[in-house]
Amino acid sequence: MNPFGSEELRVFLRDYLANRPASQGRDFPKDLSDDCDLLLSGMVDSLGLLELMTALQGYCGREIDFDALDPEQMTVVGPLCDFVAGQMAKG
């Protein structure tokens, strides 16, 4: 199993978001839908988005070029996971 596939990244995102101190007391869906916008849903704010990008890089073990991702898709689960998985597949 590829640890950086889209589904595995969704699991990481869900666990990361659910375990953030700012998230205490919130219920998170078991599976984040592809069209879930993390910013619009209130799961992260602008600082939380930066922290999430850092956490994704730590999880993947390397720097990710988020500048290559359309800013409007950066907060949407499906495009974000697909983008990171694609970056990891490139090596």
PDB file of N, CA and C in Angstrom:
ATOM      1  N   MET A   1       0.844  -1.175   0.000  1.00  0.00           N
ATOM      2  CA  MET A   1       0.000   0.000   0.000  1.00  0.00           C
ATOM      3  C   MET A   1       0.899   1.252   0.000  1.00  0.00           C
ATOM      4  N   ASN A   2       0.576   2.197  -0.841  1.00  0.00           N
ATOM      5  CA  ASN A   2       1.309   3.454  -0.908  1.00  0.00           C
ATOM      6  C   ASN A   2       0.876   4.333   0.268  1.00  0.00           C
ATOM      7  N   PRO A   3       1.804   4.674   1.171  1.00  0.00           N
ATOM      8  CA  PRO A   3       1.418   5.473   2.337  1.00  0.00           C
ATOM      9  C   PRO A   3       1.024   6.907   1.970  1.00  0.00           C
ATOM     10  N   PHE A   4       1.257   7.282   0.722  1.00  0.00           N
ATOM     11  CA  PHE A   4       0.946   8.639   0.304  1.00  0.00           C
ATOM     12  C   PHE A   4      -0.131   8.679  -0.765  1.00  0.00           C
ATOM     13  N   GLY A   5      -0.971   7.646  -0.837  1.00  0.00           N
ATOM     14  CA  GLY A   5      -2.100   7.650  -1.754  1.00  0.00           C
ATOM     15  C   GLY A   5      -3.187   8.581  -1.234  1.00  0.00           C
ATOM     16  N   SER A   6      -4.110   8.939  -2.088  1.00  0.00           N
ATOM     17  CA  SER A   6      -5.173   9.889  -1.718  1.00  0.00           C
ATOM     18  C   SER A   6      -5.971   9.428  -0.500  1.00  0.00           C
ATOM     19  N   GLU A   7      -6.299   8.145  -0.427  1.00  0.00           N
ATOM     20  CA  GLU A   7      -7.098   7.650   0.699  1.00  0.00           C
ATOM     21  C   GLU A   7      -6.311   7.716   2.004  1.00  0.00           C
ATOM     22  N   GLU A   8      -5.043   7.352   1.954  1.00  0.00           N
ATOM     23  CA  GLU A   8      -4.214   7.403   3.155  1.00  0.00           C
ATOM     24  C   GLU A   8      -4.029   8.852   3.622  1.00  0.00           C
ATOM     25  N   LEU A   9      -3.929   9.762   2.676  1.00  0.00           N
ATOM     26  CA  LEU A   9      -3.811  11.174   3.035  1.00  0.00           C
ATOM     27  C   LEU A   9      -5.096  11.692   3.668  1.00  0.00           C
ATOM     28  N   ARG A  10      -6.251  11.202   3.209  1.00  0.00           N
ATOM     29  CA  ARG A  10      -7.529  11.588   3.835  1.00  0.00           C
ATOM     30  C   ARG A  10      -7.574  11.118   5.290  1.00  0.00           C
ATOM     31  N   VAL A  11      -7.106   9.904   5.538  1.00  0.00           N
ATOM     32  CA  VAL A  11      -7.059   9.378   6.908  1.00  0.00           C
ATOM     33  C   VAL A  11      -6.135  10.253   7.758  1.00  0.00           C
ATOM     34  N   PHE A  12      -4.971  10.596   7.214  1.00  0.00           N
ATOM     35  CA  PHE A  12      -4.059  11.471   7.942  1.00  0.00           C
ATOM     36  C   PHE A  12      -4.729  12.812   8.242  1.00  0.00           C
ATOM     37  N   LEU A  13      -5.373  13.421   7.243  1.00  0.00           N
ATOM     38  CA  LEU A  13      -6.047  14.705   7.433  1.00  0.00           C
ATOM     39  C   LEU A  13      -7.090  14.627   8.535  1.00  0.00           C
ATOM     40  N   ARG A  14      -7.922  13.599   8.477  1.00  0.00           N
ATOM     41  CA  ARG A  14      -8.983  13.448   9.472  1.00  0.00           C
ATOM     42  C   ARG A  14      -8.395  13.313  10.868  1.00  0.00           C
ATOM     43  N   ASP A  15      -7.397  12.454  11.014  1.00  0.00           N
ATOM     44  CA  ASP A  15      -6.775  12.250  12.323  1.00  0.00           C
ATOM     45  C   ASP A  15      -6.078  13.518  12.802  1.00  0.00           C
ATOM     46  N   TYR A  16      -5.385  14.186  11.894  1.00  0.00           N
ATOM     47  CA  TYR A  16      -4.695  15.420  12.253  1.00  0.00           C
ATOM     48  C   TYR A  16      -5.687  16.471  12.735  1.00  0.00           C
ATOM     49  N   LEU A  17      -6.751  16.672  11.972  1.00  0.00           N
ATOM     50  CA  LEU A  17      -7.740  17.688  12.327  1.00  0.00           C
ATOM     51  C   LEU A  17      -8.448  17.356  13.630  1.00  0.00           C
ATOM     52  N   ALA A  18      -8.768  16.103  13.833  1.00  0.00           N
ATOM     53  CA  ALA A  18      -9.490  15.689  15.035  1.00  0.00           C
ATOM     54  C   ALA A  18      -8.632  15.815  16.296  1.00  0.00           C
ATOM     55  N   ASN A  19      -7.320  15.739  16.136  1.00  0.00           N
ATOM     56  CA  ASN A  19      -6.430  15.745  17.301  1.00  0.00           C
ATOM     57  C   ASN A  19      -5.766  17.087  17.569  1.00  0.00           C
ATOM     58  N   ARG A  20      -6.093  18.096  16.797  1.00  0.00           N
ATOM     59  CA  ARG A  20      -5.549  19.432  17.056  1.00  0.00           C
ATOM     60  C   ARG A  20      -6.209  19.999  18.310  1.00  0.00           C
ATOM     61  N   PRO A  21      -5.457  20.720  19.132  1.00  0.00           N
ATOM     62  CA  PRO A  21      -6.049  21.338  20.324  1.00  0.00           C
ATOM     63  C   PRO A  21      -7.246  22.233  19.991  1.00  0.00           C
ATOM     64  N   ALA A  22      -7.197  22.932  18.867  1.00  0.00           N
ATOM     65  CA  ALA A  22      -8.299  23.821  18.468  1.00  0.00           C
ATOM     66  C   ALA A  22      -9.553  23.036  18.119  1.00  0.00           C
ATOM     67  N   SER A  23      -9.417  21.724  17.949  1.00  0.00           N
ATOM     68  CA  SER A  23     -10.539  20.894  17.517  1.00  0.00           C
ATOM     69  C   SER A  23     -11.246  20.194  18.662  1.00  0.00           C
ATOM     70  N   GLN A  24     -10.743  20.340  19.870  1.00  0.00           N
ATOM     71  CA  GLN A  24     -11.341  19.617  20.982  1.00  0.00           C
ATOM     72  C   GLN A  24     -12.812  19.966  21.124  1.00  0.00           C
ATOM     73  N   GLY A  25     -13.591  18.938  21.324  1.00  0.00           N
ATOM     74  CA  GLY A  25     -15.023  19.127  21.474  1.00  0.00           C
ATOM     75  C   GLY A  25     -15.790  19.088  20.165  1.00  0.00           C
ATOM     76  N   ARG A  26     -15.077  19.009  19.042  1.00  0.00           N
ATOM     77  CA  ARG A  26     -15.739  18.953  17.728  1.00  0.00           C
ATOM     78  C   ARG A  26     -15.780  17.517  17.242  1.00  0.00           C
ATOM     79  N   ASP A  27     -16.835  17.169  16.584  1.00  0.00           N
ATOM     80  CA  ASP A  27     -16.939  15.855  15.951  1.00  0.00           C
ATOM     81  C   ASP A  27     -16.554  15.994  14.490  1.00  0.00           C
ATOM     82  N   PHE A  28     -15.718  15.090  14.025  1.00  0.00           N
ATOM     83  CA  PHE A  28     -15.310  15.098  12.627  1.00  0.00           C
ATOM     84  C   PHE A  28     -15.894  13.880  11.935  1.00  0.00           C
ATOM     85  N   PRO A  29     -16.261  14.027  10.690  1.00  0.00           N
ATOM     86  CA  PRO A  29     -16.800  12.881   9.952  1.00  0.00           C
ATOM     87  C   PRO A  29     -15.748  11.784   9.842  1.00  0.00           C
ATOM     88  N   LYS A  30     -16.190  10.547   9.826  1.00  0.00           N
ATOM     89  CA  LYS A  30     -15.260   9.432   9.710  1.00  0.00           C
ATOM     90  C   LYS A  30     -14.466   9.539   8.418  1.00  0.00           C
ATOM     91  N   ASP A  31     -15.138   9.898   7.352  1.00  0.00           N
ATOM     92  CA  ASP A  31     -14.485  10.088   6.062  1.00  0.00           C
ATOM     93  C   ASP A  31     -14.749  11.512   5.598  1.00  0.00           C
ATOM     94  N   LEU A  32     -13.693  12.222   5.280  1.00  0.00           N
ATOM     95  CA  LEU A  32     -13.851  13.570   4.736  1.00  0.00           C
ATOM     96  C   LEU A  32     -14.224  13.444   3.262  1.00  0.00           C
ATOM     97  N   SER A  33     -15.287  14.108   2.857  1.00  0.00           N
ATOM     98  CA  SER A  33     -15.692  14.041   1.456  1.00  0.00           C
ATOM     99  C   SER A  33     -14.730  14.838   0.585  1.00  0.00           C
ATOM    100  N   ASP A  34     -14.656  14.468  -0.684  1.00  0.00           N
ATOM    101  CA  ASP A  34     -13.764  15.144  -1.615  1.00  0.00           C
ATOM    102  C   ASP A  34     -14.057  16.631  -1.733  1.00  0.00           C
ATOM    103  N   ASP A  35     -15.318  16.999  -1.605  1.00  0.00           N
ATOM    104  CA  ASP A  35     -15.685  18.401  -1.801  1.00  0.00           C
ATOM    105  C   ASP A  35     -15.713  19.209  -0.503  1.00  0.00           C
ATOM    106  N   CYS A  36     -15.269  18.618   0.591  1.00  0.00           N
ATOM    107  CA  CYS A  36     -15.240  19.336   1.877  1.00  0.00           C
ATOM    108  C   CYS A  36     -14.164  20.415   1.825  1.00  0.00           C
ATOM    109  N   ASP A  37     -14.580  21.657   2.019  1.00  0.00           N
ATOM    110  CA  ASP A  37     -13.643  22.774   2.076  1.00  0.00           C
ATOM    111  C   ASP A  37     -13.298  23.016   3.538  1.00  0.00           C
ATOM    112  N   LEU A  38     -12.065  22.743   3.892  1.00  0.00           N
ATOM    113  CA  LEU A  38     -11.625  22.821   5.281  1.00  0.00           C
ATOM    114  C   LEU A  38     -11.721  24.232   5.848  1.00  0.00           C
ATOM    115  N   LEU A  39     -11.494  25.220   5.008  1.00  0.00           N
ATOM    116  CA  LEU A  39     -11.550  26.609   5.455  1.00  0.00           C
ATOM    117  C   LEU A  39     -12.997  27.073   5.617  1.00  0.00           C
ATOM    118  N   LEU A  40     -13.827  26.839   4.605  1.00  0.00           N
ATOM    119  CA  LEU A  40     -15.218  27.272   4.665  1.00  0.00           C
ATOM    120  C   LEU A  40     -16.021  26.533   5.729  1.00  0.00           C
ATOM    121  N   SER A  41     -15.644  25.294   6.006  1.00  0.00           N
ATOM    122  CA  SER A  41     -16.352  24.510   7.019  1.00  0.00           C
ATOM    123  C   SER A  41     -15.932  24.898   8.438  1.00  0.00           C
ATOM    124  N   GLY A  42     -14.873  25.684   8.544  1.00  0.00           N
ATOM    125  CA  GLY A  42     -14.389  26.091   9.863  1.00  0.00           C
ATOM    126  C   GLY A  42     -13.454  25.097  10.522  1.00  0.00           C
ATOM    127  N   MET A  43     -13.070  24.045   9.810  1.00  0.00           N
ATOM    128  CA  MET A  43     -12.153  23.060  10.399  1.00  0.00           C
ATOM    129  C   MET A  43     -10.762  23.646  10.590  1.00  0.00           C
ATOM    130  N   VAL A  44     -10.383  24.585   9.717  1.00  0.00           N
ATOM    131  CA  VAL A  44      -9.114  25.296   9.871  1.00  0.00           C
ATOM    132  C   VAL A  44      -9.342  26.772   9.553  1.00  0.00           C
ATOM    133  N   ASP A  45      -8.478  27.600  10.118  1.00  0.00           N
ATOM    134  CA  ASP A  45      -8.445  29.008   9.732  1.00  0.00           C
ATOM    135  C   ASP A  45      -7.154  29.196   8.925  1.00  0.00           C
ATOM    136  N   SER A  46      -6.791  30.422   8.619  1.00  0.00           N
ATOM    137  CA  SER A  46      -5.612  30.633   7.772  1.00  0.00           C
ATOM    138  C   SER A  46      -4.337  30.121   8.446  1.00  0.00           C
ATOM    139  N   LEU A  47      -4.197  30.334   9.743  1.00  0.00           N
ATOM    140  CA  LEU A  47      -3.035  29.806  10.459  1.00  0.00           C
ATOM    141  C   LEU A  47      -3.090  28.280  10.500  1.00  0.00           C
ATOM    142  N   GLY A  48      -4.275  27.733  10.724  1.00  0.00           N
ATOM    143  CA  GLY A  48      -4.443  26.283  10.737  1.00  0.00           C
ATOM    144  C   GLY A  48      -4.092  25.655   9.402  1.00  0.00           C
ATOM    145  N   LEU A  49      -4.346  26.379   8.313  1.00  0.00           N
ATOM    146  CA  LEU A  49      -3.999  25.869   6.982  1.00  0.00           C
ATOM    147  C   LEU A  49      -2.487  25.784   6.840  1.00  0.00           C
ATOM    148  N   LEU A  50      -1.780  26.790   7.307  1.00  0.00           N
ATOM    149  CA  LEU A  50      -0.317  26.751   7.264  1.00  0.00           C
ATOM    150  C   LEU A  50       0.216  25.595   8.117  1.00  0.00           C
ATOM    151  N   GLU A  51      -0.383  25.396   9.281  1.00  0.00           N
ATOM    152  CA  GLU A  51       0.027  24.290  10.148  1.00  0.00           C
ATOM    153  C   GLU A  51      -0.249  22.949   9.475  1.00  0.00           C
ATOM    154  N   LEU A  52      -1.368  22.866   8.767  1.00  0.00           N
ATOM    155  CA  LEU A  52      -1.710  21.635   8.052  1.00  0.00           C
ATOM    156  C   LEU A  52      -0.705  21.347   6.951  1.00  0.00           C
ATOM    157  N   MET A  53      -0.295  22.369   6.204  1.00  0.00           N
ATOM    158  CA  MET A  53       0.692  22.182   5.142  1.00  0.00           C
ATOM    159  C   MET A  53       2.010  21.662   5.734  1.00  0.00           C
ATOM    160  N   THR A  54       2.401  22.220   6.865  1.00  0.00           N
ATOM    161  CA  THR A  54       3.618  21.772   7.540  1.00  0.00           C
ATOM    162  C   THR A  54       3.468  20.325   8.012  1.00  0.00           C
ATOM    163  N   ALA A  55       2.299  19.990   8.552  1.00  0.00           N
ATOM    164  CA  ALA A  55       2.051  18.623   9.019  1.00  0.00           C
ATOM    165  C   ALA A  55       2.067  17.633   7.861  1.00  0.00           C
ATOM    166  N   LEU A  56       1.495  18.016   6.723  1.00  0.00           N
ATOM    167  CA  LEU A  56       1.517  17.137   5.547  1.00  0.00           C
ATOM    168  C   LEU A  56       2.952  16.889   5.087  1.00  0.00           C
ATOM    169  N   GLN A  57       3.765  17.925   5.088  1.00  0.00           N
ATOM    170  CA  GLN A  57       5.163  17.756   4.696  1.00  0.00           C
ATOM    171  C   GLN A  57       5.897  16.843   5.681  1.00  0.00           C
ATOM    172  N   GLY A  58       5.593  16.995   6.962  1.00  0.00           N
ATOM    173  CA  GLY A  58       6.201  16.118   7.957  1.00  0.00           C
ATOM    174  C   GLY A  58       5.766  14.676   7.776  1.00  0.00           C
ATOM    175  N   TYR A  59       4.488  14.477   7.501  1.00  0.00           N
ATOM    176  CA  TYR A  59       3.955  13.128   7.286  1.00  0.00           C
ATOM    177  C   TYR A  59       4.606  12.479   6.073  1.00  0.00           C
ATOM    178  N   CYS A  60       4.774  13.258   5.014  1.00  0.00           N
ATOM    179  CA  CYS A  60       5.343  12.732   3.776  1.00  0.00           C
ATOM    180  C   CYS A  60       6.870  12.664   3.808  1.00  0.00           C
ATOM    181  N   GLY A  61       7.464  13.364   4.754  1.00  0.00           N
ATOM    182  CA  GLY A  61       8.908  13.298   4.895  1.00  0.00           C
ATOM    183  C   GLY A  61       9.682  14.130   3.897  1.00  0.00           C
ATOM    184  N   ARG A  62       9.015  15.090   3.284  1.00  0.00           N
ATOM    185  CA  ARG A  62       9.713  15.971   2.350  1.00  0.00           C
ATOM    186  C   ARG A  62       8.905  17.225   2.084  1.00  0.00           C
ATOM    187  N   GLU A  63       9.569  18.195   1.483  1.00  0.00           N
ATOM    188  CA  GLU A  63       8.904  19.448   1.149  1.00  0.00           C
ATOM    189  C   GLU A  63       7.958  19.230  -0.037  1.00  0.00           C
ATOM    190  N   ILE A  64       6.820  19.880   0.023  1.00  0.00           N
ATOM    191  CA  ILE A  64       5.821  19.792  -1.046  1.00  0.00           C
ATOM    192  C   ILE A  64       5.657  21.184  -1.635  1.00  0.00           C
ATOM    193  N   ASP A  65       5.652  21.278  -2.943  1.00  0.00           N
ATOM    194  CA  ASP A  65       5.520  22.561  -3.633  1.00  0.00           C
ATOM    195  C   ASP A  65       4.048  22.940  -3.737  1.00  0.00           C
ATOM    196  N   PHE A  66       3.494  23.486  -2.647  1.00  0.00           N
ATOM    197  CA  PHE A  66       2.087  23.869  -2.637  1.00  0.00           C
ATOM    198  C   PHE A  66       1.799  25.039  -3.575  1.00  0.00           C
ATOM    199  N   ASP A  67       2.837  25.760  -4.013  1.00  0.00           N
ATOM    200  CA  ASP A  67       2.638  26.854  -4.969  1.00  0.00           C
ATOM    201  C   ASP A  67       2.109  26.338  -6.300  1.00  0.00           C
ATOM    202  N   ALA A  68       2.336  25.061  -6.587  1.00  0.00           N
ATOM    203  CA  ALA A  68       1.875  24.475  -7.843  1.00  0.00           C
ATOM    204  C   ALA A  68       0.389  24.100  -7.805  1.00  0.00           C
ATOM    205  N   LEU A  69      -0.232  24.195  -6.639  1.00  0.00           N
ATOM    206  CA  LEU A  69      -1.652  23.864  -6.479  1.00  0.00           C
ATOM    207  C   LEU A  69      -2.482  25.133  -6.565  1.00  0.00           C
ATOM    208  N   ASP A  70      -3.570  25.081  -7.309  1.00  0.00           N
ATOM    209  CA  ASP A  70      -4.488  26.213  -7.418  1.00  0.00           C
ATOM    210  C   ASP A  70      -4.925  26.607  -6.010  1.00  0.00           C
ATOM    211  N   PRO A  71      -4.732  27.877  -5.620  1.00  0.00           N
ATOM    212  CA  PRO A  71      -5.079  28.310  -4.259  1.00  0.00           C
ATOM    213  C   PRO A  71      -6.524  28.012  -3.870  1.00  0.00           C
ATOM    214  N   GLU A  72      -7.441  28.022  -4.817  1.00  0.00           N
ATOM    215  CA  GLU A  72      -8.841  27.739  -4.511  1.00  0.00           C
ATOM    216  C   GLU A  72      -9.065  26.267  -4.190  1.00  0.00           C
ATOM    217  N   GLN A  73      -8.147  25.411  -4.607  1.00  0.00           N
ATOM    218  CA  GLN A  73      -8.283  23.979  -4.340  1.00  0.00           C
ATOM    219  C   GLN A  73      -7.467  23.530  -3.125  1.00  0.00           C
ATOM    220  N   MET A  74      -6.639  24.422  -2.608  1.00  0.00           N
ATOM    221  CA  MET A  74      -5.750  24.069  -1.509  1.00  0.00           C
ATOM    222  C   MET A  74      -6.507  23.677  -0.239  1.00  0.00           C
ATOM    223  N   THR A  75      -7.710  24.189  -0.065  1.00  0.00           N
ATOM    224  CA  THR A  75      -8.462  23.903   1.157  1.00  0.00           C
ATOM    225  C   THR A  75      -9.531  22.839   0.954  1.00  0.00           C
ATOM    226  N   VAL A  76      -9.641  22.298  -0.258  1.00  0.00           N
ATOM    227  CA  VAL A  76     -10.655  21.290  -0.571  1.00  0.00           C
ATOM    228  C   VAL A  76      -9.994  19.911  -0.492  1.00  0.00           C
ATOM    229  N   VAL A  77     -10.583  19.025   0.282  1.00  0.00           N
ATOM    230  CA  VAL A  77      -9.974  17.734   0.609  1.00  0.00           C
ATOM    231  C   VAL A  77      -9.549  16.935  -0.617  1.00  0.00           C
ATOM    232  N   GLY A  78     -10.437  16.710  -1.570  1.00  0.00           N
ATOM    233  CA  GLY A  78     -10.121  15.878  -2.734  1.00  0.00           C
ATOM    234  C   GLY A  78      -8.945  16.405  -3.531  1.00  0.00           C
ATOM    235  N   PRO A  79      -9.021  17.641  -4.014  1.00  0.00           N
ATOM    236  CA  PRO A  79      -7.894  18.172  -4.780  1.00  0.00           C
ATOM    237  C   PRO A  79      -6.591  18.239  -3.979  1.00  0.00           C
ATOM    238  N   LEU A  80      -6.680  18.570  -2.700  1.00  0.00           N
ATOM    239  CA  LEU A  80      -5.480  18.631  -1.869  1.00  0.00           C
ATOM    240  C   LEU A  80      -4.828  17.255  -1.753  1.00  0.00           C
ATOM    241  N   CYS A  81      -5.616  16.234  -1.440  1.00  0.00           N
ATOM    242  CA  CYS A  81      -5.072  14.878  -1.303  1.00  0.00           C
ATOM    243  C   CYS A  81      -4.528  14.362  -2.631  1.00  0.00           C
ATOM    244  N   ASP A  82      -5.249  14.610  -3.712  1.00  0.00           N
ATOM    245  CA  ASP A  82      -4.783  14.171  -5.034  1.00  0.00           C
ATOM    246  C   ASP A  82      -3.475  14.861  -5.406  1.00  0.00           C
ATOM    247  N   PHE A  83      -3.381  16.153  -5.101  1.00  0.00           N
ATOM    248  CA  PHE A  83      -2.177  16.909  -5.409  1.00  0.00           C
ATOM    249  C   PHE A  83      -0.980  16.357  -4.635  1.00  0.00           C
ATOM    250  N   VAL A  84      -1.143  16.171  -3.335  1.00  0.00           N
ATOM    251  CA  VAL A  84      -0.032  15.671  -2.514  1.00  0.00           C
ATOM    252  C   VAL A  84       0.362  14.265  -2.958  1.00  0.00           C
ATOM    253  N   ALA A  85      -0.631  13.413  -3.231  1.00  0.00           N
ATOM    254  CA  ALA A  85      -0.330  12.055  -3.703  1.00  0.00           C
ATOM    255  C   ALA A  85       0.448  12.115  -5.018  1.00  0.00           C
ATOM    256  N   GLY A  86       0.057  13.019  -5.904  1.00  0.00           N
ATOM    257  CA  GLY A  86       0.766  13.184  -7.167  1.00  0.00           C
ATOM    258  C   GLY A  86       2.192  13.670  -6.976  1.00  0.00           C
ATOM    259  N   GLN A  87       2.377  14.601  -6.037  1.00  0.00           N
ATOM    260  CA  GLN A  87       3.720  15.093  -5.728  1.00  0.00           C
ATOM    261  C   GLN A  87       4.593  13.957  -5.200  1.00  0.00           C
ATOM    262  N   MET A  88       4.022  13.103  -4.363  1.00  0.00           N
ATOM    263  CA  MET A  88       4.787  11.996  -3.791  1.00  0.00           C
ATOM    264  C   MET A  88       5.118  10.947  -4.855  1.00  0.00           C
ATOM    265  N   ALA A  89       4.216  10.756  -5.813  1.00  0.00           N
ATOM    266  CA  ALA A  89       4.449   9.771  -6.869  1.00  0.00           C
ATOM    267  C   ALA A  89       5.582  10.219  -7.812  1.00  0.00           C
ATOM    268  N   LYS A  90       5.776  11.531  -7.904  1.00  0.00           N
ATOM    269  CA  LYS A  90       6.825  12.063  -8.758  1.00  0.00           C
ATOM    270  C   LYS A  90       8.219  11.791  -8.187  1.00  0.00           C
ATOM    271  N   GLY A  91       8.269  11.541  -6.896  1.00  0.00           N
ATOM    272  CA  GLY A  91       9.546  11.223  -6.253  1.00  0.00           C
ATOM    273  C   GLY A  91      10.339  12.396  -5.812  1.00  0.00           C
TER     274      GLY A  91
END
